[in-house]
Amino acid sequence: MQIQYNRHSRQRMAQRNVSEQQVRETIEWPDEVLPGDINEETAVRRYGAREIRVVYEEIEPETYLIYTVIKARTLAT
């Protein structure tokens, strides 16, 4: 699997303290995948009380372009 990041996604990852490993895990083993606009999808993965959403597009087989990482939030318990 190859993952490509644009500047926006890198900025959001830094702001939200989300690692490349977490992005990869979210795409590979999502808890849920939501349809997006046009060709993109949103992978959702829960890490304990945190939720990470990665908006991406599969631009070639096994090659993903990451558009943004949506705010990792704390889930209610």
N, C-alpha and C. Protein backbone atom coordinates (compact mmCIF):
# COMPACT_ATOMS: atom_id res chain seq x y z
N MET A 1 0.84 -1.18 0.00
CA MET A 1 0.00 0.00 0.00
C MET A 1 0.88 1.24 0.00
N GLN A 2 0.57 2.17 -0.88
CA GLN A 2 1.30 3.43 -0.94
C GLN A 2 0.34 4.55 -0.54
N ILE A 3 0.82 5.44 0.31
CA ILE A 3 0.00 6.57 0.77
C ILE A 3 0.71 7.86 0.42
N GLN A 4 -0.03 8.76 -0.23
CA GLN A 4 0.50 10.07 -0.58
C GLN A 4 -0.29 11.12 0.20
N TYR A 5 0.41 12.14 0.64
CA TYR A 5 -0.19 13.21 1.44
C TYR A 5 -0.06 14.53 0.70
N ASN A 6 -1.09 15.35 0.78
CA ASN A 6 -0.95 16.72 0.26
C ASN A 6 -0.60 17.63 1.45
N ARG A 7 -0.31 18.86 1.17
CA ARG A 7 0.11 19.80 2.22
C ARG A 7 -0.98 19.95 3.29
N HIS A 8 -2.21 20.06 2.85
CA HIS A 8 -3.33 20.23 3.78
C HIS A 8 -3.43 19.06 4.77
N SER A 9 -3.32 17.84 4.25
CA SER A 9 -3.43 16.68 5.14
C SER A 9 -2.28 16.65 6.15
N ARG A 10 -1.08 17.00 5.71
CA ARG A 10 0.06 17.04 6.64
C ARG A 10 -0.17 18.08 7.74
N GLN A 11 -0.70 19.24 7.36
CA GLN A 11 -0.99 20.28 8.36
C GLN A 11 -2.01 19.80 9.38
N ARG A 12 -3.07 19.17 8.90
CA ARG A 12 -4.11 18.68 9.81
C ARG A 12 -3.59 17.57 10.72
N MET A 13 -2.76 16.69 10.18
CA MET A 13 -2.18 15.64 11.01
C MET A 13 -1.35 16.24 12.14
N ALA A 14 -0.55 17.25 11.83
CA ALA A 14 0.28 17.90 12.85
C ALA A 14 -0.60 18.60 13.89
N GLN A 15 -1.61 19.32 13.43
CA GLN A 15 -2.50 20.04 14.35
C GLN A 15 -3.25 19.10 15.28
N ARG A 16 -3.60 17.92 14.75
CA ARG A 16 -4.46 17.01 15.49
C ARG A 16 -3.70 15.83 16.10
N ASN A 17 -2.37 15.90 16.01
CA ASN A 17 -1.52 14.88 16.61
C ASN A 17 -1.90 13.47 16.14
N VAL A 18 -2.01 13.31 14.82
CA VAL A 18 -2.32 12.02 14.21
C VAL A 18 -1.09 11.58 13.42
N SER A 19 -0.63 10.36 13.67
CA SER A 19 0.58 9.86 13.03
C SER A 19 0.29 9.21 11.68
N GLU A 20 1.35 9.02 10.89
CA GLU A 20 1.22 8.30 9.63
C GLU A 20 0.74 6.87 9.88
N GLN A 21 1.21 6.27 10.95
CA GLN A 21 0.78 4.91 11.29
C GLN A 21 -0.73 4.87 11.54
N GLN A 22 -1.25 5.85 12.26
CA GLN A 22 -2.69 5.88 12.52
C GLN A 22 -3.48 6.07 11.23
N VAL A 23 -2.97 6.90 10.31
CA VAL A 23 -3.64 7.09 9.02
C VAL A 23 -3.66 5.76 8.26
N ARG A 24 -2.54 5.08 8.21
CA ARG A 24 -2.45 3.78 7.52
C ARG A 24 -3.43 2.77 8.13
N GLU A 25 -3.42 2.67 9.46
CA GLU A 25 -4.31 1.73 10.14
C GLU A 25 -5.78 2.07 9.88
N THR A 26 -6.09 3.35 9.83
CA THR A 26 -7.47 3.78 9.61
C THR A 26 -7.93 3.37 8.21
N ILE A 27 -7.06 3.47 7.23
CA ILE A 27 -7.42 3.08 5.86
C ILE A 27 -7.46 1.55 5.73
N GLU A 28 -6.49 0.87 6.31
CA GLU A 28 -6.41 -0.59 6.18
C GLU A 28 -7.49 -1.32 6.98
N TRP A 29 -7.76 -0.86 8.19
CA TRP A 29 -8.70 -1.54 9.08
C TRP A 29 -9.72 -0.56 9.67
N PRO A 30 -10.54 0.05 8.83
CA PRO A 30 -11.51 1.03 9.36
C PRO A 30 -12.63 0.33 10.13
N ASP A 31 -13.18 1.04 11.08
CA ASP A 31 -14.39 0.56 11.76
C ASP A 31 -15.61 0.83 10.87
N GLU A 32 -15.46 1.82 10.00
CA GLU A 32 -16.56 2.25 9.14
C GLU A 32 -15.98 3.03 7.96
N VAL A 33 -16.60 2.92 6.79
CA VAL A 33 -16.22 3.73 5.63
C VAL A 33 -17.47 4.45 5.14
N LEU A 34 -17.36 5.77 5.06
CA LEU A 34 -18.48 6.60 4.63
C LEU A 34 -18.23 7.13 3.23
N PRO A 35 -19.24 7.16 2.38
CA PRO A 35 -19.05 7.72 1.04
C PRO A 35 -18.85 9.23 1.12
N GLY A 36 -18.08 9.75 0.20
CA GLY A 36 -17.83 11.18 0.16
C GLY A 36 -18.28 11.77 -1.15
N ASP A 37 -17.79 12.94 -1.46
CA ASP A 37 -18.09 13.58 -2.73
C ASP A 37 -17.24 12.95 -3.83
N ILE A 38 -17.81 12.81 -4.98
CA ILE A 38 -17.15 12.30 -6.18
C ILE A 38 -16.46 10.98 -5.90
N ASN A 39 -15.12 10.91 -5.87
CA ASN A 39 -14.40 9.65 -5.72
C ASN A 39 -13.81 9.42 -4.34
N GLU A 40 -14.04 10.32 -3.42
CA GLU A 40 -13.40 10.16 -2.12
C GLU A 40 -14.29 9.41 -1.14
N GLU A 41 -13.63 8.88 -0.12
CA GLU A 41 -14.31 8.17 0.96
C GLU A 41 -13.71 8.64 2.28
N THR A 42 -14.43 8.39 3.35
CA THR A 42 -13.93 8.72 4.68
C THR A 42 -13.86 7.45 5.51
N ALA A 43 -12.65 7.10 5.90
CA ALA A 43 -12.44 5.94 6.77
C ALA A 43 -12.47 6.42 8.21
N VAL A 44 -13.18 5.68 9.05
CA VAL A 44 -13.33 6.03 10.45
C VAL A 44 -12.76 4.90 11.30
N ARG A 45 -11.92 5.25 12.25
CA ARG A 45 -11.36 4.23 13.16
C ARG A 45 -11.34 4.79 14.57
N ARG A 46 -11.70 3.95 15.49
CA ARG A 46 -11.72 4.34 16.89
C ARG A 46 -10.50 3.78 17.61
N TYR A 47 -9.87 4.64 18.36
CA TYR A 47 -8.72 4.27 19.19
C TYR A 47 -9.13 4.56 20.62
N GLY A 48 -9.72 3.60 21.28
CA GLY A 48 -10.23 3.83 22.63
C GLY A 48 -11.32 4.88 22.59
N ALA A 49 -11.11 6.00 23.29
CA ALA A 49 -12.10 7.07 23.32
C ALA A 49 -11.90 8.09 22.20
N ARG A 50 -10.89 7.88 21.33
CA ARG A 50 -10.63 8.80 20.22
C ARG A 50 -11.17 8.24 18.92
N GLU A 51 -11.59 9.12 18.05
CA GLU A 51 -12.04 8.73 16.72
C GLU A 51 -11.26 9.55 15.70
N ILE A 52 -10.73 8.86 14.69
CA ILE A 52 -9.98 9.52 13.62
C ILE A 52 -10.72 9.27 12.32
N ARG A 53 -10.87 10.31 11.52
CA ARG A 53 -11.50 10.22 10.21
C ARG A 53 -10.50 10.68 9.16
N VAL A 54 -10.28 9.84 8.16
CA VAL A 54 -9.34 10.14 7.10
C VAL A 54 -10.10 10.22 5.78
N VAL A 55 -10.04 11.38 5.13
CA VAL A 55 -10.68 11.56 3.83
C VAL A 55 -9.63 11.28 2.77
N TYR A 56 -9.93 10.33 1.88
CA TYR A 56 -8.94 9.88 0.91
C TYR A 56 -9.59 9.47 -0.40
N GLU A 57 -8.74 9.26 -1.40
CA GLU A 57 -9.17 8.73 -2.69
C GLU A 57 -8.16 7.67 -3.13
N GLU A 58 -8.64 6.55 -3.62
CA GLU A 58 -7.76 5.54 -4.18
C GLU A 58 -7.49 5.96 -5.62
N ILE A 59 -6.30 6.52 -5.88
CA ILE A 59 -6.00 7.09 -7.20
C ILE A 59 -5.48 6.04 -8.17
N GLU A 60 -4.96 4.95 -7.66
CA GLU A 60 -4.52 3.78 -8.42
C GLU A 60 -4.73 2.60 -7.48
N PRO A 61 -4.73 1.38 -8.00
CA PRO A 61 -4.85 0.25 -7.08
C PRO A 61 -3.77 0.29 -5.99
N GLU A 62 -4.21 0.25 -4.76
CA GLU A 62 -3.34 0.26 -3.59
C GLU A 62 -2.52 1.54 -3.43
N THR A 63 -2.96 2.63 -4.05
CA THR A 63 -2.32 3.94 -3.89
C THR A 63 -3.40 4.93 -3.46
N TYR A 64 -3.19 5.52 -2.28
CA TYR A 64 -4.19 6.39 -1.69
C TYR A 64 -3.65 7.81 -1.54
N LEU A 65 -4.47 8.79 -1.91
CA LEU A 65 -4.15 10.19 -1.72
C LEU A 65 -4.98 10.68 -0.54
N ILE A 66 -4.30 11.18 0.49
CA ILE A 66 -4.97 11.67 1.69
C ILE A 66 -5.27 13.15 1.51
N TYR A 67 -6.55 13.49 1.61
CA TYR A 67 -6.96 14.89 1.46
C TYR A 67 -6.93 15.63 2.79
N THR A 68 -7.44 14.99 3.83
CA THR A 68 -7.44 15.63 5.13
C THR A 68 -7.66 14.60 6.22
N VAL A 69 -7.34 14.98 7.44
CA VAL A 69 -7.62 14.17 8.62
C VAL A 69 -8.55 15.02 9.47
N ILE A 70 -9.77 14.53 9.62
CA ILE A 70 -10.78 15.25 10.36
C ILE A 70 -10.52 15.12 11.85
N LYS A 71 -10.84 16.15 12.56
CA LYS A 71 -10.53 16.24 13.99
C LYS A 71 -10.78 14.94 14.72
N ALA A 72 -9.74 14.46 15.35
CA ALA A 72 -9.86 13.30 16.21
C ALA A 72 -10.60 13.77 17.46
N ARG A 73 -11.71 13.12 17.75
CA ARG A 73 -12.51 13.59 18.86
C ARG A 73 -12.62 12.52 19.93
N THR A 74 -13.02 12.96 21.09
CA THR A 74 -13.22 12.04 22.19
C THR A 74 -14.67 11.60 22.17
N LEU A 75 -14.89 10.30 22.21
CA LEU A 75 -16.24 9.75 22.19
C LEU A 75 -16.81 9.69 23.59
N ALA A 76 -18.11 9.82 23.68
CA ALA A 76 -18.77 9.72 24.99
C ALA A 76 -18.74 8.27 25.44
N THR A 77 -18.57 8.08 26.72
CA THR A 77 -18.52 6.71 27.25
C THR A 77 -19.77 6.37 27.99
